[in-house]
Amino acid sequence: MNVEKIDVKGKMCPIPVALTKRKLAEMQSGQTLEITGEGELEFDNIQHWLKNNAHEIIETSKNNNNEFKIAVTKH
């Protein structure tokens, strides 16, 4: 399976959400996107947007440096 990836590190909200939205718009339903970034607000806002738009969050992880990864399947 082809996994698309975007890196939103160094971007402040609302840019990470906008980049996630743009990337998902280019993808087909059922494809997986892996988002890497940093920041608690960005982590929360991306997940909130994904849930509100019926995308399926497969996995989330964070480390001690406040970096995160979110894997999502496009609806």
N, C-alpha and C. Protein backbone atom coordinates (compact mmCIF):
# COMPACT_ATOMS: atom_id res chain seq x y z
N MET A 1 0.85 -1.18 0.00
CA MET A 1 0.00 0.00 0.00
C MET A 1 0.89 1.24 0.00
N ASN A 2 0.50 2.22 -0.78
CA ASN A 2 1.23 3.47 -0.90
C ASN A 2 0.82 4.42 0.23
N VAL A 3 1.79 4.81 1.05
CA VAL A 3 1.52 5.74 2.15
C VAL A 3 2.09 7.10 1.76
N GLU A 4 1.23 8.10 1.73
CA GLU A 4 1.66 9.47 1.47
C GLU A 4 2.17 10.05 2.78
N LYS A 5 3.09 11.02 2.69
CA LYS A 5 3.65 11.62 3.90
C LYS A 5 3.75 13.13 3.73
N ILE A 6 3.50 13.84 4.85
CA ILE A 6 3.78 15.27 4.90
C ILE A 6 4.45 15.58 6.23
N ASP A 7 5.30 16.60 6.20
CA ASP A 7 6.01 17.05 7.38
C ASP A 7 5.60 18.50 7.63
N VAL A 8 4.99 18.74 8.78
CA VAL A 8 4.52 20.09 9.11
C VAL A 8 5.33 20.70 10.25
N LYS A 9 6.52 20.15 10.50
CA LYS A 9 7.39 20.68 11.55
C LYS A 9 7.76 22.13 11.23
N GLY A 10 7.81 22.94 12.28
CA GLY A 10 8.18 24.33 12.12
C GLY A 10 7.05 25.23 11.66
N LYS A 11 5.88 24.66 11.46
CA LYS A 11 4.70 25.44 11.03
C LYS A 11 3.79 25.65 12.23
N MET A 12 3.23 26.84 12.33
CA MET A 12 2.31 27.14 13.42
C MET A 12 0.88 27.12 12.90
N CYS A 13 -0.06 26.77 13.79
CA CYS A 13 -1.48 26.73 13.42
C CYS A 13 -1.92 28.09 12.91
N PRO A 14 -2.74 28.06 11.87
CA PRO A 14 -3.49 26.95 11.30
C PRO A 14 -2.81 26.26 10.11
N ILE A 15 -1.55 26.58 9.84
CA ILE A 15 -0.87 26.04 8.66
C ILE A 15 -0.82 24.50 8.63
N PRO A 16 -0.48 23.80 9.73
CA PRO A 16 -0.46 22.34 9.67
C PRO A 16 -1.81 21.72 9.29
N VAL A 17 -2.89 22.31 9.78
CA VAL A 17 -4.23 21.81 9.41
C VAL A 17 -4.49 22.07 7.93
N ALA A 18 -4.14 23.25 7.45
CA ALA A 18 -4.35 23.59 6.04
C ALA A 18 -3.53 22.68 5.13
N LEU A 19 -2.30 22.39 5.50
CA LEU A 19 -1.47 21.49 4.69
C LEU A 19 -2.02 20.07 4.69
N THR A 20 -2.52 19.63 5.83
CA THR A 20 -3.14 18.30 5.93
C THR A 20 -4.38 18.23 5.04
N LYS A 21 -5.20 19.24 5.13
CA LYS A 21 -6.43 19.31 4.32
C LYS A 21 -6.09 19.29 2.83
N ARG A 22 -5.10 20.06 2.41
CA ARG A 22 -4.71 20.13 1.00
C ARG A 22 -4.18 18.78 0.51
N LYS A 23 -3.35 18.13 1.33
CA LYS A 23 -2.78 16.85 0.93
C LYS A 23 -3.87 15.78 0.80
N LEU A 24 -4.80 15.74 1.77
CA LEU A 24 -5.89 14.76 1.70
C LEU A 24 -6.78 14.99 0.49
N ALA A 25 -6.95 16.25 0.09
CA ALA A 25 -7.78 16.56 -1.08
C ALA A 25 -7.18 15.99 -2.36
N GLU A 26 -5.86 15.81 -2.38
CA GLU A 26 -5.17 15.26 -3.55
C GLU A 26 -5.21 13.73 -3.58
N MET A 27 -5.62 13.12 -2.49
CA MET A 27 -5.55 11.67 -2.34
C MET A 27 -6.89 11.00 -2.64
N GLN A 28 -6.82 9.68 -2.88
CA GLN A 28 -8.02 8.88 -3.12
C GLN A 28 -8.54 8.35 -1.79
N SER A 29 -9.84 8.11 -1.74
CA SER A 29 -10.46 7.50 -0.56
C SER A 29 -9.80 6.16 -0.28
N GLY A 30 -9.50 5.92 1.00
CA GLY A 30 -8.87 4.67 1.41
C GLY A 30 -7.36 4.74 1.51
N GLN A 31 -6.75 5.79 0.95
CA GLN A 31 -5.30 5.94 1.05
C GLN A 31 -4.92 6.40 2.45
N THR A 32 -3.67 6.11 2.82
CA THR A 32 -3.15 6.47 4.14
C THR A 32 -2.20 7.65 4.03
N LEU A 33 -2.32 8.57 4.98
CA LEU A 33 -1.43 9.72 5.08
C LEU A 33 -0.75 9.68 6.44
N GLU A 34 0.56 9.89 6.44
CA GLU A 34 1.34 9.99 7.67
C GLU A 34 1.79 11.44 7.83
N ILE A 35 1.36 12.05 8.93
CA ILE A 35 1.67 13.45 9.20
C ILE A 35 2.68 13.50 10.34
N THR A 36 3.80 14.17 10.12
CA THR A 36 4.77 14.39 11.20
C THR A 36 4.84 15.88 11.47
N GLY A 37 4.98 16.20 12.76
CA GLY A 37 5.03 17.60 13.14
C GLY A 37 5.47 17.77 14.57
N GLU A 38 5.27 18.97 15.08
CA GLU A 38 5.64 19.26 16.46
C GLU A 38 4.67 20.28 17.04
N GLY A 39 4.48 20.19 18.35
CA GLY A 39 3.63 21.13 19.06
C GLY A 39 2.33 20.51 19.52
N GLU A 40 1.98 20.77 20.76
CA GLU A 40 0.75 20.23 21.35
C GLU A 40 -0.49 20.77 20.65
N LEU A 41 -0.53 22.08 20.40
CA LEU A 41 -1.69 22.69 19.73
C LEU A 41 -1.88 22.12 18.33
N GLU A 42 -0.79 22.00 17.60
CA GLU A 42 -0.86 21.46 16.25
C GLU A 42 -1.34 20.01 16.26
N PHE A 43 -0.82 19.22 17.19
CA PHE A 43 -1.22 17.82 17.36
C PHE A 43 -2.73 17.72 17.60
N ASP A 44 -3.22 18.52 18.54
CA ASP A 44 -4.64 18.50 18.87
C ASP A 44 -5.52 19.02 17.73
N ASN A 45 -5.11 20.11 17.09
CA ASN A 45 -5.92 20.71 16.03
C ASN A 45 -6.03 19.82 14.80
N ILE A 46 -4.94 19.16 14.44
CA ILE A 46 -5.00 18.25 13.29
C ILE A 46 -5.96 17.10 13.58
N GLN A 47 -5.84 16.51 14.77
CA GLN A 47 -6.74 15.40 15.12
C GLN A 47 -8.20 15.86 15.15
N HIS A 48 -8.44 17.02 15.69
CA HIS A 48 -9.80 17.56 15.76
C HIS A 48 -10.37 17.73 14.35
N TRP A 49 -9.58 18.29 13.45
CA TRP A 49 -10.05 18.50 12.07
C TRP A 49 -10.32 17.15 11.40
N LEU A 50 -9.41 16.19 11.57
CA LEU A 50 -9.58 14.87 10.96
C LEU A 50 -10.87 14.21 11.43
N LYS A 51 -11.13 14.25 12.73
CA LYS A 51 -12.34 13.64 13.29
C LYS A 51 -13.59 14.34 12.78
N ASN A 52 -13.56 15.66 12.71
CA ASN A 52 -14.72 16.42 12.24
C ASN A 52 -15.01 16.18 10.76
N ASN A 53 -14.02 15.71 10.03
CA ASN A 53 -14.20 15.46 8.60
C ASN A 53 -14.24 13.98 8.27
N ALA A 54 -14.51 13.16 9.28
CA ALA A 54 -14.78 11.72 9.14
C ALA A 54 -13.62 10.90 8.59
N HIS A 55 -12.39 11.39 8.76
CA HIS A 55 -11.23 10.59 8.39
C HIS A 55 -10.89 9.67 9.57
N GLU A 56 -10.36 8.50 9.28
CA GLU A 56 -10.07 7.51 10.33
C GLU A 56 -8.62 7.62 10.79
N ILE A 57 -8.45 8.03 12.04
CA ILE A 57 -7.11 8.09 12.62
C ILE A 57 -6.71 6.67 13.00
N ILE A 58 -5.61 6.21 12.41
CA ILE A 58 -5.13 4.85 12.62
C ILE A 58 -4.19 4.78 13.82
N GLU A 59 -3.31 5.79 13.92
CA GLU A 59 -2.28 5.76 14.96
C GLU A 59 -1.82 7.17 15.26
N THR A 60 -1.53 7.41 16.53
CA THR A 60 -0.90 8.67 16.94
C THR A 60 0.23 8.35 17.89
N SER A 61 1.27 9.15 17.83
CA SER A 61 2.36 9.00 18.79
C SER A 61 3.04 10.35 18.99
N LYS A 62 3.60 10.52 20.18
CA LYS A 62 4.35 11.73 20.52
C LYS A 62 5.60 11.32 21.29
N ASN A 63 6.64 12.14 21.19
CA ASN A 63 7.84 11.87 21.97
C ASN A 63 8.08 13.02 22.96
N ASN A 64 9.16 12.91 23.71
CA ASN A 64 9.46 13.90 24.75
C ASN A 64 9.87 15.26 24.19
N ASN A 65 10.20 15.32 22.91
CA ASN A 65 10.56 16.58 22.26
C ASN A 65 9.35 17.29 21.67
N ASN A 66 8.15 16.81 22.01
CA ASN A 66 6.89 17.38 21.53
C ASN A 66 6.69 17.18 20.03
N GLU A 67 7.39 16.19 19.46
CA GLU A 67 7.18 15.83 18.06
C GLU A 67 6.11 14.75 18.00
N PHE A 68 5.35 14.75 16.92
CA PHE A 68 4.26 13.79 16.80
C PHE A 68 4.20 13.17 15.43
N LYS A 69 3.46 12.05 15.38
CA LYS A 69 3.13 11.39 14.12
C LYS A 69 1.65 10.99 14.20
N ILE A 70 0.94 11.27 13.14
CA ILE A 70 -0.47 10.87 13.03
C ILE A 70 -0.60 10.12 11.71
N ALA A 71 -1.14 8.91 11.77
CA ALA A 71 -1.45 8.15 10.56
C ALA A 71 -2.97 8.13 10.41
N VAL A 72 -3.43 8.44 9.20
CA VAL A 72 -4.87 8.58 8.97
C VAL A 72 -5.23 7.98 7.61
N THR A 73 -6.42 7.39 7.55
CA THR A 73 -6.96 6.89 6.29
C THR A 73 -8.03 7.87 5.83
N LYS A 74 -7.89 8.30 4.57
CA LYS A 74 -8.87 9.23 4.02
C LYS A 74 -10.21 8.53 3.84
N HIS A 75 -11.28 9.24 4.19
CA HIS A 75 -12.62 8.64 4.01
C HIS A 75 -13.02 8.64 2.57
